[in-house]
PDB file of all heavy atoms in Angstrom:
ATOM      1  N   ILE A   1      -6.864  -4.894  13.226  1.00  0.00           N
ATOM      2  CA  ILE A   1      -8.018  -3.988  13.187  1.00  0.00           C
ATOM      3  C   ILE A   1      -7.990  -3.031  14.372  1.00  0.00           C
ATOM      4  O   ILE A   1      -8.214  -1.826  14.217  1.00  0.00           O
ATOM      5  CB  ILE A   1      -9.334  -4.799  13.127  1.00  0.00           C
ATOM      6  CG1 ILE A   1      -9.444  -5.510  11.775  1.00  0.00           C
ATOM      7  CG2 ILE A   1     -10.550  -3.901  13.371  1.00  0.00           C
ATOM      8  CD1 ILE A   1     -10.530  -6.556  11.707  1.00  0.00           C
ATOM      9  N   ASN A   2      -7.693  -3.558  15.559  1.00  0.00           N
ATOM     10  CA  ASN A   2      -7.603  -2.695  16.748  1.00  0.00           C
ATOM     11  C   ASN A   2      -6.515  -1.643  16.591  1.00  0.00           C
ATOM     12  O   ASN A   2      -6.696  -0.484  16.971  1.00  0.00           O
ATOM     13  CB  ASN A   2      -7.340  -3.511  18.008  1.00  0.00           C
ATOM     14  CG  ASN A   2      -8.580  -4.197  18.516  1.00  0.00           C
ATOM     15  OD1 ASN A   2      -9.697  -3.837  18.171  1.00  0.00           O
ATOM     16  ND2 ASN A   2      -8.385  -5.212  19.338  1.00  0.00           N
ATOM     17  N   MET A   3      -5.376  -2.043  16.026  1.00  0.00           N
ATOM     18  CA  MET A   3      -4.277  -1.106  15.856  1.00  0.00           C
ATOM     19  C   MET A   3      -4.639  -0.012  14.844  1.00  0.00           C
ATOM     20  O   MET A   3      -4.301   1.151  15.049  1.00  0.00           O
ATOM     21  CB  MET A   3      -3.012  -1.836  15.414  1.00  0.00           C
ATOM     22  CG  MET A   3      -1.800  -0.940  15.345  1.00  0.00           C
ATOM     23  SD  MET A   3      -0.313  -1.875  15.076  1.00  0.00           S
ATOM     24  CE  MET A   3      -0.074  -2.491  16.727  1.00  0.00           C
ATOM     25  N   ALA A   4      -5.335  -0.376  13.777  1.00  0.00           N
ATOM     26  CA  ALA A   4      -5.764   0.621  12.792  1.00  0.00           C
ATOM     27  C   ALA A   4      -6.738   1.609  13.436  1.00  0.00           C
ATOM     28  O   ALA A   4      -6.639   2.827  13.216  1.00  0.00           O
ATOM     29  CB  ALA A   4      -6.410  -0.066  11.593  1.00  0.00           C
ATOM     30  N   GLN A   5      -7.654   1.112  14.253  1.00  0.00           N
ATOM     31  CA  GLN A   5      -8.604   1.996  14.939  1.00  0.00           C
ATOM     32  C   GLN A   5      -7.881   2.914  15.922  1.00  0.00           C
ATOM     33  O   GLN A   5      -8.201   4.102  16.017  1.00  0.00           O
ATOM     34  CB  GLN A   5      -9.661   1.159  15.668  1.00  0.00           C
ATOM     35  CG  GLN A   5     -10.596   0.437  14.730  1.00  0.00           C
ATOM     36  CD  GLN A   5     -11.466  -0.598  15.424  1.00  0.00           C
ATOM     37  OE1 GLN A   5     -11.106  -1.151  16.460  1.00  0.00           O
ATOM     38  NE2 GLN A   5     -12.627  -0.870  14.833  1.00  0.00           N
ATOM     39  N   THR A   6      -6.899   2.385  16.625  1.00  0.00           N
ATOM     40  CA  THR A   6      -6.121   3.189  17.565  1.00  0.00           C
ATOM     41  C   THR A   6      -5.350   4.274  16.836  1.00  0.00           C
ATOM     42  O   THR A   6      -5.268   5.418  17.302  1.00  0.00           O
ATOM     43  CB  THR A   6      -5.156   2.289  18.367  1.00  0.00           C
ATOM     44  OG1 THR A   6      -5.921   1.312  19.069  1.00  0.00           O
ATOM     45  CG2 THR A   6      -4.314   3.092  19.326  1.00  0.00           C
ATOM     46  N   THR A   7      -4.786   3.946  15.693  1.00  0.00           N
ATOM     47  CA  THR A   7      -4.043   4.928  14.907  1.00  0.00           C
ATOM     48  C   THR A   7      -4.967   6.056  14.456  1.00  0.00           C
ATOM     49  O   THR A   7      -4.589   7.238  14.505  1.00  0.00           O
ATOM     50  CB  THR A   7      -3.373   4.260  13.695  1.00  0.00           C
ATOM     51  OG1 THR A   7      -2.533   3.199  14.158  1.00  0.00           O
ATOM     52  CG2 THR A   7      -2.538   5.253  12.909  1.00  0.00           C
ATOM     53  N   LEU A   8      -6.177   5.720  14.065  1.00  0.00           N
ATOM     54  CA  LEU A   8      -7.137   6.756  13.681  1.00  0.00           C
ATOM     55  C   LEU A   8      -7.479   7.657  14.865  1.00  0.00           C
ATOM     56  O   LEU A   8      -7.627   8.878  14.703  1.00  0.00           O
ATOM     57  CB  LEU A   8      -8.411   6.130  13.103  1.00  0.00           C
ATOM     58  CG  LEU A   8      -8.277   5.615  11.672  1.00  0.00           C
ATOM     59  CD1 LEU A   8      -9.520   4.835  11.264  1.00  0.00           C
ATOM     60  CD2 LEU A   8      -8.020   6.754  10.707  1.00  0.00           C
ATOM     61  N   VAL A   9      -7.572   7.090  16.050  1.00  0.00           N
ATOM     62  CA  VAL A   9      -7.810   7.915  17.251  1.00  0.00           C
ATOM     63  C   VAL A   9      -6.628   8.859  17.465  1.00  0.00           C
ATOM     64  O   VAL A   9      -6.814  10.048  17.754  1.00  0.00           O
ATOM     65  CB  VAL A   9      -8.032   7.028  18.496  1.00  0.00           C
ATOM     66  CG1 VAL A   9      -7.997   7.849  19.774  1.00  0.00           C
ATOM     67  CG2 VAL A   9      -9.348   6.274  18.379  1.00  0.00           C
ATOM     68  N   HIS A  10      -5.402   8.361  17.292  1.00  0.00           N
ATOM     69  CA  HIS A  10      -4.218   9.212  17.440  1.00  0.00           C
ATOM     70  C   HIS A  10      -4.222  10.337  16.406  1.00  0.00           C
ATOM     71  O   HIS A  10      -3.849  11.473  16.714  1.00  0.00           O
ATOM     72  CB  HIS A  10      -2.940   8.385  17.306  1.00  0.00           C
ATOM     73  CG  HIS A  10      -2.695   7.479  18.462  1.00  0.00           C
ATOM     74  ND1 HIS A  10      -1.897   6.362  18.371  1.00  0.00           N
ATOM     75  CD2 HIS A  10      -3.148   7.505  19.740  1.00  0.00           C
ATOM     76  CE1 HIS A  10      -1.866   5.746  19.539  1.00  0.00           C
ATOM     77  NE2 HIS A  10      -2.626   6.425  20.381  1.00  0.00           N
ATOM     78  N   ILE A  11      -4.642  10.028  15.187  1.00  0.00           N
ATOM     79  CA  ILE A  11      -4.698  11.052  14.133  1.00  0.00           C
ATOM     80  C   ILE A  11      -5.724  12.121  14.498  1.00  0.00           C
ATOM     81  O   ILE A  11      -5.446  13.321  14.407  1.00  0.00           O
ATOM     82  CB  ILE A  11      -5.026  10.415  12.767  1.00  0.00           C
ATOM     83  CG1 ILE A  11      -3.833   9.583  12.282  1.00  0.00           C
ATOM     84  CG2 ILE A  11      -5.392  11.486  11.733  1.00  0.00           C
ATOM     85  CD1 ILE A  11      -4.131   8.734  11.055  1.00  0.00           C
ATOM     86  N   ARG A  12      -6.888  11.695  14.921  1.00  0.00           N
ATOM     87  CA  ARG A  12      -7.937  12.673  15.277  1.00  0.00           C
ATOM     88  C   ARG A  12      -7.507  13.540  16.448  1.00  0.00           C
ATOM     89  O   ARG A  12      -7.774  14.746  16.475  1.00  0.00           O
ATOM     90  CB  ARG A  12      -9.235  11.938  15.573  1.00  0.00           C
ATOM     91  CG  ARG A  12      -9.847  11.348  14.315  1.00  0.00           C
ATOM     92  CD  ARG A  12     -11.164  10.656  14.563  1.00  0.00           C
ATOM     93  NE  ARG A  12     -11.593   9.991  13.347  1.00  0.00           N
ATOM     94  CZ  ARG A  12     -11.706   8.668  13.211  1.00  0.00           C
ATOM     95  NH1 ARG A  12     -11.470   7.873  14.243  1.00  0.00           N
ATOM     96  NH2 ARG A  12     -12.086   8.151  12.069  1.00  0.00           N
ATOM     97  N   LYS A  13      -6.833  12.935  17.416  1.00  0.00           N
ATOM     98  CA  LYS A  13      -6.350  13.704  18.573  1.00  0.00           C
ATOM     99  C   LYS A  13      -5.309  14.730  18.126  1.00  0.00           C
ATOM    100  O   LYS A  13      -5.341  15.885  18.557  1.00  0.00           O
ATOM    101  CB  LYS A  13      -5.735  12.759  19.609  1.00  0.00           C
ATOM    102  CG  LYS A  13      -5.340  13.452  20.893  1.00  0.00           C
ATOM    103  CD  LYS A  13      -4.642  12.493  21.851  1.00  0.00           C
ATOM    104  CE  LYS A  13      -5.636  11.637  22.574  1.00  0.00           C
ATOM    105  NZ  LYS A  13      -4.994  10.839  23.641  1.00  0.00           N
ATOM    106  N   LEU A  14      -4.395  14.337  17.253  1.00  0.00           N
ATOM    107  CA  LEU A  14      -3.376  15.258  16.754  1.00  0.00           C
ATOM    108  C   LEU A  14      -4.013  16.386  15.946  1.00  0.00           C
ATOM    109  O   LEU A  14      -3.612  17.537  16.068  1.00  0.00           O
ATOM    110  CB  LEU A  14      -2.353  14.506  15.902  1.00  0.00           C
ATOM    111  CG  LEU A  14      -1.253  15.356  15.267  1.00  0.00           C
ATOM    112  CD1 LEU A  14      -0.419  16.055  16.348  1.00  0.00           C
ATOM    113  CD2 LEU A  14      -0.368  14.511  14.375  1.00  0.00           C
ATOM    114  N   ARG A  15      -5.017  16.064  15.153  1.00  0.00           N
ATOM    115  CA  ARG A  15      -5.662  17.095  14.320  1.00  0.00           C
ATOM    116  C   ARG A  15      -6.340  18.161  15.171  1.00  0.00           C
ATOM    117  O   ARG A  15      -6.451  19.304  14.741  1.00  0.00           O
ATOM    118  CB  ARG A  15      -6.645  16.455  13.364  1.00  0.00           C
ATOM    119  CG  ARG A  15      -5.889  15.652  12.284  1.00  0.00           C
ATOM    120  CD  ARG A  15      -6.766  15.208  11.215  1.00  0.00           C
ATOM    121  NE  ARG A  15      -7.212  16.389  10.488  1.00  0.00           N
ATOM    122  CZ  ARG A  15      -7.978  16.325   9.440  1.00  0.00           C
ATOM    123  NH1 ARG A  15      -8.392  15.186   8.982  1.00  0.00           N
ATOM    124  NH2 ARG A  15      -8.359  17.423   8.822  1.00  0.00           N
ATOM    125  N   THR A  16      -6.775  17.807  16.380  1.00  0.00           N
ATOM    126  CA  THR A  16      -7.389  18.828  17.247  1.00  0.00           C
ATOM    127  C   THR A  16      -6.341  19.804  17.772  1.00  0.00           C
ATOM    128  O   THR A  16      -6.679  20.915  18.146  1.00  0.00           O
ATOM    129  CB  THR A  16      -8.123  18.191  18.444  1.00  0.00           C
ATOM    130  OG1 THR A  16      -7.189  17.499  19.274  1.00  0.00           O
ATOM    131  CG2 THR A  16      -9.233  17.271  17.983  1.00  0.00           C
ATOM    132  N   LYS A  17      -5.073  19.383  17.793  1.00  0.00           N
ATOM    133  CA  LYS A  17      -3.992  20.241  18.287  1.00  0.00           C
ATOM    134  C   LYS A  17      -3.392  21.120  17.195  1.00  0.00           C
ATOM    135  O   LYS A  17      -2.685  22.073  17.491  1.00  0.00           O
ATOM    136  CB  LYS A  17      -2.877  19.384  18.903  1.00  0.00           C
ATOM    137  CG  LYS A  17      -3.317  18.615  20.120  1.00  0.00           C
ATOM    138  CD  LYS A  17      -2.202  17.730  20.629  1.00  0.00           C
ATOM    139  CE  LYS A  17      -2.672  16.896  21.807  1.00  0.00           C
ATOM    140  NZ  LYS A  17      -1.616  15.996  22.281  1.00  0.00           N
ATOM    141  N   LEU A  18      -3.670  20.778  15.945  1.00  0.00           N
ATOM    142  CA  LEU A  18      -3.105  21.531  14.819  1.00  0.00           C
ATOM    143  C   LEU A  18      -4.065  22.629  14.386  1.00  0.00           C
ATOM    144  O   LEU A  18      -5.278  22.529  14.615  1.00  0.00           O
ATOM    145  CB  LEU A  18      -2.864  20.580  13.639  1.00  0.00           C
ATOM    146  CG  LEU A  18      -1.817  19.494  13.837  1.00  0.00           C
ATOM    147  CD1 LEU A  18      -1.824  18.545  12.634  1.00  0.00           C
ATOM    148  CD2 LEU A  18      -0.445  20.086  14.041  1.00  0.00           C
ATOM    149  N   PRO A  19      -3.532  23.654  13.735  1.00  0.00           N
ATOM    150  CA  PRO A  19      -4.432  24.653  13.143  1.00  0.00           C
ATOM    151  C   PRO A  19      -5.342  23.954  12.129  1.00  0.00           C
ATOM    152  O   PRO A  19      -5.032  22.877  11.636  1.00  0.00           O
ATOM    153  CB  PRO A  19      -3.489  25.628  12.442  1.00  0.00           C
ATOM    154  CG  PRO A  19      -2.147  25.384  13.040  1.00  0.00           C
ATOM    155  CD  PRO A  19      -2.131  23.973  13.529  1.00  0.00           C
ATOM    156  N   VAL A  20      -6.439  24.587  11.807  1.00  0.00           N
ATOM    157  CA  VAL A  20      -7.386  24.003  10.868  1.00  0.00           C
ATOM    158  C   VAL A  20      -6.665  23.665   9.571  1.00  0.00           C
ATOM    159  O   VAL A  20      -5.946  24.494   9.004  1.00  0.00           O
ATOM    160  CB  VAL A  20      -8.561  24.972  10.601  1.00  0.00           C
ATOM    161  CG1 VAL A  20      -9.487  24.414   9.536  1.00  0.00           C
ATOM    162  CG2 VAL A  20      -9.307  25.244  11.892  1.00  0.00           C
ATOM    163  N   ALA A  21      -6.859  22.442   9.136  1.00  0.00           N
ATOM    164  CA  ALA A  21      -6.174  21.966   7.940  1.00  0.00           C
ATOM    165  C   ALA A  21      -6.818  22.523   6.685  1.00  0.00           C
ATOM    166  O   ALA A  21      -8.033  22.702   6.638  1.00  0.00           O
ATOM    167  CB  ALA A  21      -6.221  20.444   7.897  1.00  0.00           C
ATOM    168  N   PRO A  22      -5.994  22.792   5.686  1.00  0.00           N
ATOM    169  CA  PRO A  22      -6.569  23.187   4.403  1.00  0.00           C
ATOM    170  C   PRO A  22      -7.331  21.997   3.813  1.00  0.00           C
ATOM    171  O   PRO A  22      -7.082  20.850   4.187  1.00  0.00           O
ATOM    172  CB  PRO A  22      -5.340  23.531   3.559  1.00  0.00           C
ATOM    173  CG  PRO A  22      -4.210  22.807   4.199  1.00  0.00           C
ATOM    174  CD  PRO A  22      -4.545  22.699   5.654  1.00  0.00           C
ATOM    175  N   GLN A  23      -8.246  22.269   2.922  1.00  0.00           N
ATOM    176  CA  GLN A  23      -9.005  21.202   2.280  1.00  0.00           C
ATOM    177  C   GLN A  23      -8.074  20.446   1.340  1.00  0.00           C
ATOM    178  O   GLN A  23      -7.570  21.008   0.372  1.00  0.00           O
ATOM    179  CB  GLN A  23     -10.187  21.790   1.505  1.00  0.00           C
ATOM    180  CG  GLN A  23     -11.105  20.747   0.916  1.00  0.00           C
ATOM    181  CD  GLN A  23     -11.810  19.921   1.976  1.00  0.00           C
ATOM    182  OE1 GLN A  23     -12.064  20.391   3.080  1.00  0.00           O
ATOM    183  NE2 GLN A  23     -12.114  18.684   1.650  1.00  0.00           N
ATOM    184  N   ILE A  24      -7.830  19.193   1.650  1.00  0.00           N
ATOM    185  CA  ILE A  24      -6.944  18.370   0.834  1.00  0.00           C
ATOM    186  C   ILE A  24      -7.720  17.126   0.416  1.00  0.00           C
ATOM    187  O   ILE A  24      -8.263  16.416   1.258  1.00  0.00           O
ATOM    188  CB  ILE A  24      -5.682  17.941   1.616  1.00  0.00           C
ATOM    189  CG1 ILE A  24      -4.892  19.156   2.083  1.00  0.00           C
ATOM    190  CG2 ILE A  24      -4.811  17.024   0.776  1.00  0.00           C
ATOM    191  CD1 ILE A  24      -3.720  18.824   2.988  1.00  0.00           C
ATOM    192  N   ASP A  25      -7.768  16.885  -0.877  1.00  0.00           N
ATOM    193  CA  ASP A  25      -8.397  15.674  -1.380  1.00  0.00           C
ATOM    194  C   ASP A  25      -7.306  14.659  -1.671  1.00  0.00           C
ATOM    195  O   ASP A  25      -6.354  14.944  -2.404  1.00  0.00           O
ATOM    196  CB  ASP A  25      -9.185  15.955  -2.658  1.00  0.00           C
ATOM    197  CG  ASP A  25     -10.446  16.754  -2.395  1.00  0.00           C
ATOM    198  OD1 ASP A  25     -11.040  16.565  -1.314  1.00  0.00           O
ATOM    199  OD2 ASP A  25     -10.837  17.558  -3.263  1.00  0.00           O
ATOM    200  N   VAL A  26      -7.451  13.502  -1.087  1.00  0.00           N
ATOM    201  CA  VAL A  26      -6.498  12.423  -1.337  1.00  0.00           C
ATOM    202  C   VAL A  26      -7.287  11.205  -1.780  1.00  0.00           C
ATOM    203  O   VAL A  26      -8.443  11.026  -1.419  1.00  0.00           O
ATOM    204  CB  VAL A  26      -5.650  12.084  -0.095  1.00  0.00           C
ATOM    205  CG1 VAL A  26      -4.741  13.224   0.274  1.00  0.00           C
ATOM    206  CG2 VAL A  26      -6.510  11.689   1.077  1.00  0.00           C
ATOM    207  N   SER A  27      -6.654  10.392  -2.561  1.00  0.00           N
ATOM    208  CA  SER A  27      -7.287   9.138  -2.967  1.00  0.00           C
ATOM    209  C   SER A  27      -6.401   7.995  -2.497  1.00  0.00           C
ATOM    210  O   SER A  27      -5.181   8.121  -2.446  1.00  0.00           O
ATOM    211  CB  SER A  27      -7.485   9.094  -4.477  1.00  0.00           C
ATOM    212  OG  SER A  27      -6.243   9.159  -5.120  1.00  0.00           O
ATOM    213  N   SER A  28      -7.038   6.923  -2.139  1.00  0.00           N
ATOM    214  CA  SER A  28      -6.302   5.751  -1.670  1.00  0.00           C
ATOM    215  C   SER A  28      -6.225   4.726  -2.780  1.00  0.00           C
ATOM    216  O   SER A  28      -7.171   4.567  -3.548  1.00  0.00           O
ATOM    217  CB  SER A  28      -7.009   5.116  -0.475  1.00  0.00           C
ATOM    218  OG  SER A  28      -6.936   5.950   0.637  1.00  0.00           O
ATOM    219  N   PRO A  29      -5.121   4.010  -2.839  1.00  0.00           N
ATOM    220  CA  PRO A  29      -5.047   2.906  -3.791  1.00  0.00           C
ATOM    221  C   PRO A  29      -6.036   1.818  -3.371  1.00  0.00           C
ATOM    222  O   PRO A  29      -6.461   1.770  -2.221  1.00  0.00           O
ATOM    223  CB  PRO A  29      -3.601   2.430  -3.685  1.00  0.00           C
ATOM    224  CG  PRO A  29      -3.073   3.005  -2.440  1.00  0.00           C
ATOM    225  CD  PRO A  29      -3.917   4.171  -2.064  1.00  0.00           C
ATOM    226  N   SER A  30      -6.382   0.963  -4.295  1.00  0.00           N
ATOM    227  CA  SER A  30      -7.338  -0.097  -3.966  1.00  0.00           C
ATOM    228  C   SER A  30      -6.724  -1.063  -2.955  1.00  0.00           C
ATOM    229  O   SER A  30      -5.518  -1.278  -2.917  1.00  0.00           O
ATOM    230  CB  SER A  30      -7.761  -0.844  -5.229  1.00  0.00           C
ATOM    231  OG  SER A  30      -6.658  -1.519  -5.780  1.00  0.00           O
ATOM    232  N   ILE A  31      -7.585  -1.593  -2.139  1.00  0.00           N
ATOM    233  CA  ILE A  31      -7.168  -2.549  -1.116  1.00  0.00           C
ATOM    234  C   ILE A  31      -7.590  -3.922  -1.615  1.00  0.00           C
ATOM    235  O   ILE A  31      -8.767  -4.268  -1.607  1.00  0.00           O
ATOM    236  CB  ILE A  31      -7.816  -2.192   0.240  1.00  0.00           C
ATOM    237  CG1 ILE A  31      -7.313  -0.823   0.686  1.00  0.00           C
ATOM    238  CG2 ILE A  31      -7.521  -3.267   1.268  1.00  0.00           C
ATOM    239  CD1 ILE A  31      -7.992  -0.273   1.908  1.00  0.00           C
ATOM    240  N   GLU A  32      -6.601  -4.681  -2.076  1.00  0.00           N
ATOM    241  CA  GLU A  32      -6.901  -5.961  -2.707  1.00  0.00           C
ATOM    242  C   GLU A  32      -6.667  -7.143  -1.773  1.00  0.00           C
ATOM    243  O   GLU A  32      -7.313  -8.167  -1.905  1.00  0.00           O
ATOM    244  CB  GLU A  32      -6.050  -6.115  -3.965  1.00  0.00           C
ATOM    245  CG  GLU A  32      -6.332  -5.034  -4.989  1.00  0.00           C
ATOM    246  CD  GLU A  32      -5.258  -4.925  -6.045  1.00  0.00           C
ATOM    247  OE1 GLU A  32      -4.367  -5.792  -6.092  1.00  0.00           O
ATOM    248  OE2 GLU A  32      -5.312  -3.964  -6.823  1.00  0.00           O
ATOM    249  N   GLY A  33      -5.715  -7.031  -0.877  1.00  0.00           N
ATOM    250  CA  GLY A  33      -5.385  -8.132   0.011  1.00  0.00           C
ATOM    251  C   GLY A  33      -4.145  -7.786   0.817  1.00  0.00           C
ATOM    252  O   GLY A  33      -3.670  -6.647   0.809  1.00  0.00           O
ATOM    253  N   LEU A  34      -3.618  -8.760   1.512  1.00  0.00           N
ATOM    254  CA  LEU A  34      -2.489  -8.536   2.406  1.00  0.00           C
ATOM    255  C   LEU A  34      -1.262  -7.979   1.699  1.00  0.00           C
ATOM    256  O   LEU A  34      -0.562  -7.127   2.246  1.00  0.00           O
ATOM    257  CB  LEU A  34      -2.133  -9.838   3.131  1.00  0.00           C
ATOM    258  CG  LEU A  34      -3.155 -10.306   4.160  1.00  0.00           C
ATOM    259  CD1 LEU A  34      -2.894 -11.750   4.566  1.00  0.00           C
ATOM    260  CD2 LEU A  34      -3.136  -9.398   5.374  1.00  0.00           C
ATOM    261  N   THR A  35      -1.004  -8.438   0.484  1.00  0.00           N
ATOM    262  CA  THR A  35       0.172  -7.960  -0.251  1.00  0.00           C
ATOM    263  C   THR A  35       0.076  -6.460  -0.516  1.00  0.00           C
ATOM    264  O   THR A  35       1.026  -5.710  -0.255  1.00  0.00           O
ATOM    265  CB  THR A  35       0.328  -8.736  -1.574  1.00  0.00           C
ATOM    266  OG1 THR A  35       0.470 -10.131  -1.273  1.00  0.00           O
ATOM    267  CG2 THR A  35       1.530  -8.265  -2.358  1.00  0.00           C
ATOM    268  N   SER A  36      -1.070  -6.004  -1.009  1.00  0.00           N
ATOM    269  CA  SER A  36      -1.212  -4.572  -1.308  1.00  0.00           C
ATOM    270  C   SER A  36      -1.283  -3.740  -0.028  1.00  0.00           C
ATOM    271  O   SER A  36      -0.767  -2.625   0.016  1.00  0.00           O
ATOM    272  CB  SER A  36      -2.445  -4.318  -2.182  1.00  0.00           C
ATOM    273  OG  SER A  36      -3.642  -4.558  -1.482  1.00  0.00           O
ATOM    274  N   ILE A  37      -1.900  -4.271   1.013  1.00  0.00           N
ATOM    275  CA  ILE A  37      -1.985  -3.544   2.282  1.00  0.00           C
ATOM    276  C   ILE A  37      -0.587  -3.342   2.864  1.00  0.00           C
ATOM    277  O   ILE A  37      -0.227  -2.243   3.290  1.00  0.00           O
ATOM    278  CB  ILE A  37      -2.900  -4.279   3.289  1.00  0.00           C
ATOM    279  CG1 ILE A  37      -4.339  -4.304   2.780  1.00  0.00           C
ATOM    280  CG2 ILE A  37      -2.830  -3.610   4.662  1.00  0.00           C
ATOM    281  CD1 ILE A  37      -5.246  -5.250   3.553  1.00  0.00           C
ATOM    282  N   SER A  38       0.216  -4.398   2.853  1.00  0.00           N
ATOM    283  CA  SER A  38       1.581  -4.306   3.373  1.00  0.00           C
ATOM    284  C   SER A  38       2.399  -3.292   2.579  1.00  0.00           C
ATOM    285  O   SER A  38       3.125  -2.472   3.149  1.00  0.00           O
ATOM    286  CB  SER A  38       2.250  -5.681   3.323  1.00  0.00           C
ATOM    287  OG  SER A  38       3.587  -5.607   3.725  1.00  0.00           O
ATOM    288  N   ARG A  39       2.261  -3.329   1.252  1.00  0.00           N
ATOM    289  CA  ARG A  39       3.003  -2.396   0.393  1.00  0.00           C
ATOM    290  C   ARG A  39       2.608  -0.946   0.692  1.00  0.00           C
ATOM    291  O   ARG A  39       3.469  -0.086   0.875  1.00  0.00           O
ATOM    292  CB  ARG A  39       2.767  -2.720  -1.085  1.00  0.00           C
ATOM    293  CG  ARG A  39       3.502  -1.797  -2.035  1.00  0.00           C
ATOM    294  CD  ARG A  39       3.152  -2.025  -3.505  1.00  0.00           C
ATOM    295  NE  ARG A  39       1.745  -1.768  -3.761  1.00  0.00           N
ATOM    296  CZ  ARG A  39       0.850  -2.699  -4.117  1.00  0.00           C
ATOM    297  NH1 ARG A  39       1.223  -3.952  -4.278  1.00  0.00           N
ATOM    298  NH2 ARG A  39      -0.413  -2.375  -4.318  1.00  0.00           N
ATOM    299  N   GLU A  40       1.326  -0.671   0.760  1.00  0.00           N
ATOM    300  CA  GLU A  40       0.865   0.703   0.989  1.00  0.00           C
ATOM    301  C   GLU A  40       1.226   1.206   2.380  1.00  0.00           C
ATOM    302  O   GLU A  40       1.606   2.366   2.545  1.00  0.00           O
ATOM    303  CB  GLU A  40      -0.643   0.810   0.744  1.00  0.00           C
ATOM    304  CG  GLU A  40      -1.046   0.618  -0.694  1.00  0.00           C
ATOM    305  CD  GLU A  40      -0.295   1.524  -1.659  1.00  0.00           C
ATOM    306  OE1 GLU A  40      -0.088   2.713  -1.353  1.00  0.00           O
ATOM    307  OE2 GLU A  40       0.096   1.026  -2.734  1.00  0.00           O
TER     308      GLU A  40
END
């Protein structure tokens, strides 16, 4: 959980350095358990 939160902080920091992103809609696959999380 800590690592996922840290990665999100890294993403937000990188996004501040990039030009404004175009509007992109993405969908995530369902999160069912460890097997699906590892695969994704």
